[in-house]
Each structure stands twice: as C-alpha cells, then as structure tokens.
PDB file of N, CA and C in Angstrom:
ATOM      1  N   MET A   1     -13.896  -5.761  -2.213  1.00  0.00           N
ATOM      2  CA  MET A   1     -12.640  -5.305  -2.901  1.00  0.00           C
ATOM      3  C   MET A   1     -12.495  -3.766  -2.554  1.00  0.00           C
ATOM      4  N   HIS A   2     -11.314  -3.457  -2.354  1.00  0.00           N
ATOM      5  CA  HIS A   2     -10.781  -2.034  -2.171  1.00  0.00           C
ATOM      6  C   HIS A   2     -10.217  -1.362  -3.193  1.00  0.00           C
ATOM      7  N   TYR A   3     -10.418  -0.194  -3.277  1.00  0.00           N
ATOM      8  CA  TYR A   3      -9.552   0.632  -4.583  1.00  0.00           C
ATOM      9  C   TYR A   3      -8.804   1.653  -3.949  1.00  0.00           C
ATOM     10  N   TYR A   4      -7.810   1.974  -4.520  1.00  0.00           N
ATOM     11  CA  TYR A   4      -6.946   2.991  -4.134  1.00  0.00           C
ATOM     12  C   TYR A   4      -6.264   3.950  -5.295  1.00  0.00           C
ATOM     13  N   TRP A   5      -6.085   5.158  -4.919  1.00  0.00           N
ATOM     14  CA  TRP A   5      -5.418   5.981  -6.181  1.00  0.00           C
ATOM     15  C   TRP A   5      -3.968   5.955  -5.882  1.00  0.00           C
ATOM     16  N   CYS A   6      -3.235   5.510  -6.860  1.00  0.00           N
ATOM     17  CA  CYS A   6      -1.845   5.357  -6.868  1.00  0.00           C
ATOM     18  C   CYS A   6      -1.294   6.744  -7.324  1.00  0.00           C
ATOM     19  N   THR A   7      -0.459   7.545  -6.398  1.00  0.00           N
ATOM     20  CA  THR A   7       0.156   8.847  -6.821  1.00  0.00           C
ATOM     21  C   THR A   7       1.445   8.757  -7.638  1.00  0.00           C
ATOM     22  N   ASP A   8       1.904   7.430  -7.745  1.00  0.00           N
ATOM     23  CA  ASP A   8       3.020   7.222  -8.794  1.00  0.00           C
ATOM     24  C   ASP A   8       2.736   7.176 -10.117  1.00  0.00           C
ATOM     25  N   HIS A   9       1.594   6.184 -10.132  1.00  0.00           N
ATOM     26  CA  HIS A   9       1.171   5.729 -11.683  1.00  0.00           C
ATOM     27  C   HIS A   9      -0.115   6.601 -11.919  1.00  0.00           C
ATOM     28  N   ASN A  10      -0.687   7.574 -11.128  1.00  0.00           N
ATOM     29  CA  ASN A  10      -1.931   8.265 -11.629  1.00  0.00           C
ATOM     30  C   ASN A  10      -2.937   7.337 -12.027  1.00  0.00           C
ATOM     31  N   ARG A  11      -3.347   6.302 -11.364  1.00  0.00           N
ATOM     32  CA  ARG A  11      -4.440   5.408 -11.609  1.00  0.00           C
ATOM     33  C   ARG A  11      -5.032   4.720 -10.419  1.00  0.00           C
ATOM     34  N   VAL A  12      -6.079   4.139 -10.704  1.00  0.00           N
ATOM     35  CA  VAL A  12      -6.713   3.311  -9.708  1.00  0.00           C
ATOM     36  C   VAL A  12      -6.117   1.998  -9.638  1.00  0.00           C
ATOM     37  N   GLU A  13      -5.916   1.490  -8.466  1.00  0.00           N
ATOM     38  CA  GLU A  13      -5.390   0.072  -8.251  1.00  0.00           C
ATOM     39  C   GLU A  13      -6.397  -0.615  -7.209  1.00  0.00           C
ATOM     40  N   THR A  14      -6.296  -1.929  -7.205  1.00  0.00           N
ATOM     41  CA  THR A  14      -7.080  -2.849  -6.397  1.00  0.00           C
ATOM     42  C   THR A  14      -6.264  -3.446  -5.442  1.00  0.00           C
ATOM     43  N   ASP A  15      -6.992  -4.222  -4.616  1.00  0.00           N
ATOM     44  CA  ASP A  15      -6.161  -5.056  -3.664  1.00  0.00           C
ATOM     45  C   ASP A  15      -5.162  -6.026  -4.257  1.00  0.00           C
ATOM     46  N   LYS A  16      -5.555  -6.358  -5.521  1.00  0.00           N
ATOM     47  CA  LYS A  16      -4.543  -7.267  -6.222  1.00  0.00           C
ATOM     48  C   LYS A  16      -3.272  -6.778  -6.808  1.00  0.00           C
ATOM     49  N   ASP A  17      -3.467  -5.493  -7.133  1.00  0.00           N
ATOM     50  CA  ASP A  17      -2.117  -4.817  -7.567  1.00  0.00           C
ATOM     51  C   ASP A  17      -1.663  -3.508  -7.076  1.00  0.00           C
ATOM     52  N   VAL A  18      -2.100  -3.290  -5.612  1.00  0.00           N
ATOM     53  CA  VAL A  18      -1.836  -2.121  -4.951  1.00  0.00           C
ATOM     54  C   VAL A  18      -0.299  -1.744  -4.721  1.00  0.00           C
ATOM     55  N   CYS A  19       0.015  -0.609  -4.959  1.00  0.00           N
ATOM     56  CA  CYS A  19       1.550  -0.021  -4.747  1.00  0.00           C
ATOM     57  C   CYS A  19       1.698  -0.065  -3.188  1.00  0.00           C
ATOM     58  N   PRO A  20       2.855   0.326  -2.599  1.00  0.00           N
ATOM     59  CA  PRO A  20       2.986   0.352  -1.354  1.00  0.00           C
ATOM     60  C   PRO A  20       2.131   1.349  -0.660  1.00  0.00           C
ATOM     61  N   ALA A  21       1.901   1.299   0.700  1.00  0.00           N
ATOM     62  CA  ALA A  21       0.874   2.305   1.221  1.00  0.00           C
ATOM     63  C   ALA A  21       1.365   3.716   1.241  1.00  0.00           C
ATOM     64  N   ASN A  22       2.718   4.228   1.062  1.00  0.00           N
ATOM     65  CA  ASN A  22       3.143   5.343   1.056  1.00  0.00           C
ATOM     66  C   ASN A  22       3.008   6.050  -0.168  1.00  0.00           C
ATOM     67  N   ARG A  23       2.361   5.429  -1.269  1.00  0.00           N
ATOM     68  CA  ARG A  23       2.424   5.855  -2.566  1.00  0.00           C
ATOM     69  C   ARG A  23       0.722   5.801  -2.996  1.00  0.00           C
ATOM     70  N   VAL A  24      -0.131   5.507  -2.169  1.00  0.00           N
ATOM     71  CA  VAL A  24      -1.470   5.486  -2.529  1.00  0.00           C
ATOM     72  C   VAL A  24      -2.401   6.212  -1.564  1.00  0.00           C
ATOM     73  N   LEU A  25      -3.502   6.520  -2.092  1.00  0.00           N
ATOM     74  CA  LEU A  25      -4.623   7.173  -1.169  1.00  0.00           C
ATOM     75  C   LEU A  25      -5.780   6.168  -1.084  1.00  0.00           C
ATOM     76  N   GLY A  26      -6.348   6.091   0.023  1.00  0.00           N
ATOM     77  CA  GLY A  26      -7.387   5.068   0.140  1.00  0.00           C
ATOM     78  C   GLY A  26      -7.149   4.209   1.412  1.00  0.00           C
ATOM     79  N   PRO A  27      -8.032   3.182   1.487  1.00  0.00           N
ATOM     80  CA  PRO A  27      -8.915   2.436   0.550  1.00  0.00           C
ATOM     81  C   PRO A  27     -10.035   3.130   0.407  1.00  0.00           C
ATOM     82  N   TYR A  28     -10.843   3.030  -0.797  1.00  0.00           N
ATOM     83  CA  TYR A  28     -11.986   3.574  -1.180  1.00  0.00           C
ATOM     84  C   TYR A  28     -12.854   2.238  -1.485  1.00  0.00           C
ATOM     85  N   LYS A  29     -14.363   2.442  -1.449  1.00  0.00           N
ATOM     86  CA  LYS A  29     -15.220   1.427  -1.671  1.00  0.00           C
ATOM     87  C   LYS A  29     -15.518   1.191  -3.030  1.00  0.00           C
ATOM     88  N   SER A  30     -15.112   2.148  -3.964  1.00  0.00           N
ATOM     89  CA  SER A  30     -15.601   2.055  -5.442  1.00  0.00           C
ATOM     90  C   SER A  30     -14.445   2.692  -6.186  1.00  0.00           C
ATOM     91  N   ARG A  31     -14.480   2.207  -7.526  1.00  0.00           N
ATOM     92  CA  ARG A  31     -13.480   2.879  -8.479  1.00  0.00           C
ATOM     93  C   ARG A  31     -13.782   4.343  -8.587  1.00  0.00           C
ATOM     94  N   ALA A  32     -15.008   4.688  -8.640  1.00  0.00           N
ATOM     95  CA  ALA A  32     -15.292   6.132  -8.949  1.00  0.00           C
ATOM     96  C   ALA A  32     -14.762   6.916  -7.813  1.00  0.00           C
ATOM     97  N   GLU A  33     -15.008   6.339  -6.444  1.00  0.00           N
ATOM     98  CA  GLU A  33     -14.496   7.090  -5.347  1.00  0.00           C
ATOM     99  C   GLU A  33     -13.068   7.427  -5.365  1.00  0.00           C
ATOM    100  N   ALA A  34     -12.195   6.249  -5.775  1.00  0.00           N
ATOM    101  CA  ALA A  34     -10.851   6.454  -5.879  1.00  0.00           C
ATOM    102  C   ALA A  34     -10.313   7.495  -7.056  1.00  0.00           C
ATOM    103  N   GLU A  35     -11.121   7.360  -8.060  1.00  0.00           N
ATOM    104  CA  GLU A  35     -10.890   8.364  -9.236  1.00  0.00           C
ATOM    105  C   GLU A  35     -11.027   9.777  -8.751  1.00  0.00           C
ATOM    106  N   GLY A  36     -11.793  10.061  -7.978  1.00  0.00           N
ATOM    107  CA  GLY A  36     -12.271  11.329  -7.406  1.00  0.00           C
ATOM    108  C   GLY A  36     -11.467  11.900  -6.339  1.00  0.00           C
ATOM    109  N   ALA A  37     -10.480  10.910  -5.841  1.00  0.00           N
ATOM    110  CA  ALA A  37      -9.490  11.409  -4.617  1.00  0.00           C
ATOM    111  C   ALA A  37      -8.912  12.569  -4.600  1.00  0.00           C
ATOM    112  N   LEU A  38      -8.219  12.755  -5.823  1.00  0.00           N
ATOM    113  CA  LEU A  38      -7.421  14.021  -5.768  1.00  0.00           C
ATOM    114  C   LEU A  38      -8.226  15.393  -5.899  1.00  0.00           C
ATOM    115  N   GLN A  39      -9.501  15.238  -6.569  1.00  0.00           N
ATOM    116  CA  GLN A  39     -10.270  16.361  -6.732  1.00  0.00           C
ATOM    117  C   GLN A  39     -10.806  16.677  -5.326  1.00  0.00           C
ATOM    118  N   ARG A  40     -11.239  15.702  -4.532  1.00  0.00           N
ATOM    119  CA  ARG A  40     -11.830  15.977  -3.257  1.00  0.00           C
ATOM    120  C   ARG A  40     -10.732  16.511  -2.387  1.00  0.00           C
ATOM    121  N   ILE A  41      -9.554  16.047  -2.447  1.00  0.00           N
ATOM    122  CA  ILE A  41      -8.471  16.651  -1.558  1.00  0.00           C
ATOM    123  C   ILE A  41      -8.224  18.061  -2.020  1.00  0.00           C
ATOM    124  N   SER A  42      -8.043  18.488  -3.198  1.00  0.00           N
ATOM    125  CA  SER A  42      -8.022  19.704  -3.682  1.00  0.00           C
ATOM    126  C   SER A  42      -9.067  20.680  -3.190  1.00  0.00           C
ATOM    127  N   GLU A  43     -10.493  20.307  -3.428  1.00  0.00           N
ATOM    128  CA  GLU A  43     -11.619  21.125  -2.839  1.00  0.00           C
ATOM    129  C   GLU A  43     -11.330  21.234  -1.339  1.00  0.00           C
ATOM    130  N   ARG A  44     -10.967  20.095  -0.536  1.00  0.00           N
ATOM    131  CA  ARG A  44     -10.796  20.316   0.767  1.00  0.00           C
ATOM    132  C   ARG A  44      -9.780  21.290   1.258  1.00  0.00           C
ATOM    133  N   GLU A  45      -8.544  21.245   0.541  1.00  0.00           N
ATOM    134  CA  GLU A  45      -7.546  22.158   0.784  1.00  0.00           C
ATOM    135  C   GLU A  45      -7.952  23.533   0.673  1.00  0.00           C
ATOM    136  N   ALA A  46      -8.563  23.790  -0.424  1.00  0.00           N
ATOM    137  CA  ALA A  46      -9.190  25.127  -0.761  1.00  0.00           C
ATOM    138  C   ALA A  46     -10.201  25.814   0.209  1.00  0.00           C
ATOM    139  N   ARG A  47     -10.963  24.774   0.659  1.00  0.00           N
ATOM    140  CA  ARG A  47     -11.860  25.243   1.741  1.00  0.00           C
ATOM    141  C   ARG A  47     -10.993  25.529   3.072  1.00  0.00           C
ATOM    142  N   ILE A  48     -10.126  24.558   3.459  1.00  0.00           N
ATOM    143  CA  ILE A  48      -9.205  25.036   4.728  1.00  0.00           C
ATOM    144  C   ILE A  48      -8.392  26.322   4.516  1.00  0.00           C
ATOM    145  N   LYS A  49      -7.848  26.535   3.282  1.00  0.00           N
ATOM    146  CA  LYS A  49      -7.273  27.814   3.100  1.00  0.00           C
ATOM    147  C   LYS A  49      -8.077  29.041   3.264  1.00  0.00           C
ATOM    148  N   GLU A  50      -9.233  28.885   2.830  1.00  0.00           N
ATOM    149  CA  GLU A  50     -10.216  30.019   2.884  1.00  0.00           C
ATOM    150  C   GLU A  50     -10.547  30.239   4.475  1.00  0.00           C
ATOM    151  N   GLU A  51     -10.811  29.121   5.309  1.00  0.00           N
ATOM    152  CA  GLU A  51     -11.055  29.278   6.526  1.00  0.00           C
ATOM    153  C   GLU A  51     -10.043  29.729   7.427  1.00  0.00           C
ATOM    154  N   ASP A  52      -8.732  29.511   7.133  1.00  0.00           N
ATOM    155  CA  ASP A  52      -7.470  29.945   7.629  1.00  0.00           C
ATOM    156  C   ASP A  52      -7.380  31.515   7.390  1.00  0.00           C
ATOM    157  N   ALA A  53      -7.730  31.860   6.176  1.00  0.00           N
ATOM    158  CA  ALA A  53      -7.712  33.305   5.805  1.00  0.00           C
ATOM    159  C   ALA A  53      -8.809  34.091   6.715  1.00  0.00           C
ATOM    160  N   ARG A  54     -10.011  33.670   6.829  1.00  0.00           N
ATOM    161  CA  ARG A  54     -11.000  34.131   7.715  1.00  0.00           C
ATOM    162  C   ARG A  54     -10.597  34.333   9.052  1.00  0.00           C
ATOM    163  N   TRP A  55      -9.848  33.353   9.702  1.00  0.00           N
ATOM    164  CA  TRP A  55      -9.449  33.167  11.040  1.00  0.00           C
ATOM    165  C   TRP A  55      -8.375  34.194  11.294  1.00  0.00           C
ATOM    166  N   ALA A  56      -7.557  34.526  10.168  1.00  0.00           N
ATOM    167  CA  ALA A  56      -6.348  35.525  10.186  1.00  0.00           C
ATOM    168  C   ALA A  56      -6.720  36.874   9.856  1.00  0.00           C
ATOM    169  N   GLY A  57      -7.953  37.016   9.664  1.00  0.00           N
ATOM    170  CA  GLY A  57      -8.676  38.184   9.329  1.00  0.00           C
ATOM    171  C   GLY A  57      -8.286  38.701   7.863  1.00  0.00           C
ATOM    172  N   ASP A  58      -7.924  37.866   6.997  1.00  0.00           N
ATOM    173  CA  ASP A  58      -7.347  38.415   5.630  1.00  0.00           C
ATOM    174  C   ASP A  58      -8.600  38.497   4.742  1.00  0.00           C
ATOM    175  N   ASN A  59      -9.802  38.083   5.235  1.00  0.00           N
ATOM    176  CA  ASN A  59     -11.036  38.318   4.258  1.00  0.00           C
ATOM    177  C   ASN A  59     -11.995  39.219   5.056  1.00  0.00           C
TER     178      ASN A  59
END
C-alpha cells in the first residue's frame, strides 16, 4: 500500500481514497512518512535558501 499527503484536505490518504495527483505529495511507503512530507519540504527549502544566499555572497 502507498500513502499520500493530500494538500487539499491536509491529511494522509491511501491508494483506496487518494485525490488526483495534482493535489497530493507522494507516494510514500508509510503513514508516518506521508505525515512528515510538509516538514521535510520546509526543511529542504530552508537549506536551499541558505545555499543560494551563500552562492550569492549574502552570508
């Protein structure tokens, strides 16, 4: 079974009840992994922003 994070409903969905692909993140192998999707994206974006600032000489 796969798990997805639905950005419309802010919940985990499974193969059985998943929204259209343009509304979900995933697939993930576990419910916990899907639940942490937004946090991981936020952390990754913060790292990229810091790296971009270093490349631009802002830090």
